């Protein structure tokens, strides 16, 4: 079911970009790699504020549940997971970029740490959708993982 949601979300994002062709002269973002690297670095540093700062105020996270809004994301997703997540790495599968929208999908893996001991590992797939705000900053509008 989660894979079906991820596939549906990915296809929807690709259709959005297909209907909004990229104008290379308007877009200063050539790849989503730098945006996603900020995400990975913030999680590996277990920096709750840096992670939260990457989301738009009305951002959405879809994991086992859906959380909407920065306060809900912090208390329901970031704060519980950040202290335990370690060694996050990602492999990009696809991306799409326009002058105001960016999308990346790929696979991830990471360790779960408790009391300085490895208690598990996780892997799966992710999709992340950024939107350029009025200040010209790229903020995560939606993030989904399985």
Protein backbone atom coordinates (compact mmCIF):
# COMPACT_ATOMS: atom_id res chain seq x y z
CA UNK A 1 0.00 0.00 0.00
CA UNK A 2 2.81 2.43 0.88
CA UNK A 3 4.58 1.65 -2.39
CA UNK A 4 1.35 2.38 -4.24
CA UNK A 5 1.07 5.73 -2.43
CA UNK A 6 4.69 6.55 -3.28
CA UNK A 7 4.19 5.62 -6.92
CA UNK A 8 0.96 7.63 -7.12
CA UNK A 9 2.62 10.66 -5.47
CA UNK A 10 5.64 10.39 -7.82
CA UNK A 11 3.46 10.14 -10.91
CA UNK A 12 1.38 13.10 -9.78
CA UNK A 13 4.51 15.20 -9.31
CA UNK A 14 5.83 14.22 -12.73
CA UNK A 15 2.52 15.21 -14.31
CA UNK A 16 2.67 18.60 -12.57
CA UNK A 17 6.09 19.22 -14.04
CA UNK A 18 5.08 17.91 -17.47
CA UNK A 19 2.31 20.52 -17.54
CA UNK A 20 4.72 23.26 -16.42
CA UNK A 21 7.72 23.10 -18.75
CA UNK A 22 11.05 24.29 -17.43
CA UNK A 23 12.28 27.63 -18.66
CA UNK A 24 16.03 27.33 -18.10
CA UNK A 25 16.48 31.11 -18.15
CA UNK A 26 14.08 31.53 -15.20
CA UNK A 27 15.41 28.68 -13.07
CA UNK A 28 18.57 29.10 -11.06
CA UNK A 29 18.24 25.58 -9.65
CA UNK A 30 19.93 23.08 -11.95
CA UNK A 31 19.60 20.01 -9.73
CA UNK A 32 17.87 19.09 -6.48
CA UNK A 33 21.06 17.58 -5.07
CA UNK A 34 22.03 20.62 -2.98
CA UNK A 35 18.52 20.89 -1.51
CA UNK A 36 18.44 17.25 -0.57
CA UNK A 37 21.99 17.33 0.79
CA UNK A 38 20.89 20.03 3.25
CA UNK A 39 18.13 17.64 4.36
CA UNK A 40 20.55 14.73 4.81
CA UNK A 41 23.11 16.88 6.66
CA UNK A 42 20.47 18.27 9.05
CA UNK A 43 19.18 14.78 9.91
CA UNK A 44 22.68 13.35 10.35
CA UNK A 45 23.49 16.28 12.67
CA UNK A 46 20.21 15.55 14.53
CA UNK A 47 19.51 19.29 14.23
CA UNK A 48 15.77 19.67 14.84
CA UNK A 49 15.70 23.38 13.97
CA UNK A 50 17.67 22.90 10.75
CA UNK A 51 15.31 20.12 9.68
CA UNK A 52 12.20 22.14 10.53
CA UNK A 53 13.64 25.21 8.80
CA UNK A 54 13.56 23.40 5.48
CA UNK A 55 9.75 23.10 5.51
CA UNK A 56 7.19 25.65 4.42
CA UNK A 57 4.79 26.68 7.23
CA UNK A 58 2.06 24.54 5.66
CA UNK A 59 4.34 21.61 4.80
CA UNK A 60 3.04 18.05 4.65
CA UNK A 61 4.74 14.83 5.73
CA UNK A 62 3.26 11.47 4.81
CA UNK A 63 4.70 8.44 6.60
CA UNK A 64 2.45 6.08 8.54
CA UNK A 65 0.17 9.08 9.00
CA UNK A 66 -0.16 12.50 7.38
CA UNK A 67 0.99 15.58 9.28
CA UNK A 68 0.23 19.10 8.06
CA UNK A 69 1.78 22.33 9.30
CA UNK A 70 5.14 23.06 10.83
CA UNK A 71 4.05 22.59 14.46
CA UNK A 72 2.59 19.15 13.71
CA UNK A 73 5.68 18.19 11.69
CA UNK A 74 8.01 19.14 14.53
CA UNK A 75 6.10 17.39 17.30
CA UNK A 76 4.88 14.38 15.35
CA UNK A 77 7.81 13.66 13.02
CA UNK A 78 11.02 15.63 13.53
CA UNK A 79 11.38 15.74 17.33
CA UNK A 80 10.68 12.02 17.88
CA UNK A 81 12.89 10.81 15.02
CA UNK A 82 15.87 13.19 14.94
CA UNK A 83 17.55 12.02 18.17
CA UNK A 84 17.45 8.40 17.00
CA UNK A 85 18.22 8.69 13.28
CA UNK A 86 21.83 8.32 12.14
CA UNK A 87 23.82 7.69 8.97
CA UNK A 88 21.08 8.76 6.56
CA UNK A 89 22.04 8.24 2.94
CA UNK A 90 19.95 8.62 -0.18
CA UNK A 91 20.16 7.67 -3.83
CA UNK A 92 18.26 9.90 -6.23
CA UNK A 93 16.17 8.05 -8.81
CA UNK A 94 14.48 10.98 -10.56
CA UNK A 95 14.01 14.71 -10.32
CA UNK A 96 12.11 17.48 -12.06
CA UNK A 97 12.71 21.22 -11.79
CA UNK A 98 10.89 24.34 -12.94
CA UNK A 99 11.45 27.96 -11.99
CA UNK A 100 9.33 27.63 -8.81
CA UNK A 101 8.87 23.89 -8.24
CA UNK A 102 11.30 21.02 -7.68
CA UNK A 103 10.77 17.32 -7.08
CA UNK A 104 13.07 14.44 -6.19
CA UNK A 105 12.35 10.77 -5.63
CA UNK A 106 14.75 8.05 -4.59
CA UNK A 107 15.74 5.44 -2.04
CA UNK A 108 17.06 5.93 1.48
CA UNK A 109 18.64 4.00 4.30
CA UNK A 110 19.59 4.92 7.84
CA UNK A 111 20.37 3.54 11.28
CA UNK A 112 18.20 3.80 14.39
CA UNK A 113 20.29 4.58 17.48
CA UNK A 114 19.19 4.43 21.13
CA UNK A 115 21.52 5.01 24.07
CA UNK A 116 24.48 5.07 21.66
CA UNK A 117 23.66 1.58 20.39
CA UNK A 118 22.41 0.46 17.00
CA UNK A 119 18.86 -0.86 17.51
CA UNK A 120 17.81 -1.18 13.88
CA UNK A 121 18.09 -0.05 10.32
CA UNK A 122 15.52 1.29 7.91
CA UNK A 123 15.34 1.58 4.16
CA UNK A 124 12.71 2.50 1.63
CA UNK A 125 11.72 5.13 -0.87
CA UNK A 126 11.03 8.85 -0.59
CA UNK A 127 9.56 11.70 -2.58
CA UNK A 128 10.13 15.34 -1.74
CA UNK A 129 8.51 18.39 -3.31
CA UNK A 130 9.95 21.90 -2.92
CA UNK A 131 8.39 25.21 -3.79
CA UNK A 132 10.25 28.50 -4.11
CA UNK A 133 8.70 31.01 -1.72
CA UNK A 134 8.25 34.77 -2.22
CA UNK A 135 11.71 35.39 -0.73
CA UNK A 136 13.28 33.08 -3.33
CA UNK A 137 13.99 30.29 -0.81
CA UNK A 138 13.25 26.66 -1.62
CA UNK A 139 11.06 25.11 1.10
CA UNK A 140 9.69 21.59 1.35
CA UNK A 141 5.97 21.55 0.62
CA UNK A 142 5.54 17.79 0.83
CA UNK A 143 7.66 14.85 1.90
CA UNK A 144 6.62 11.22 1.69
CA UNK A 145 8.42 8.08 2.75
CA UNK A 146 7.49 4.47 3.18
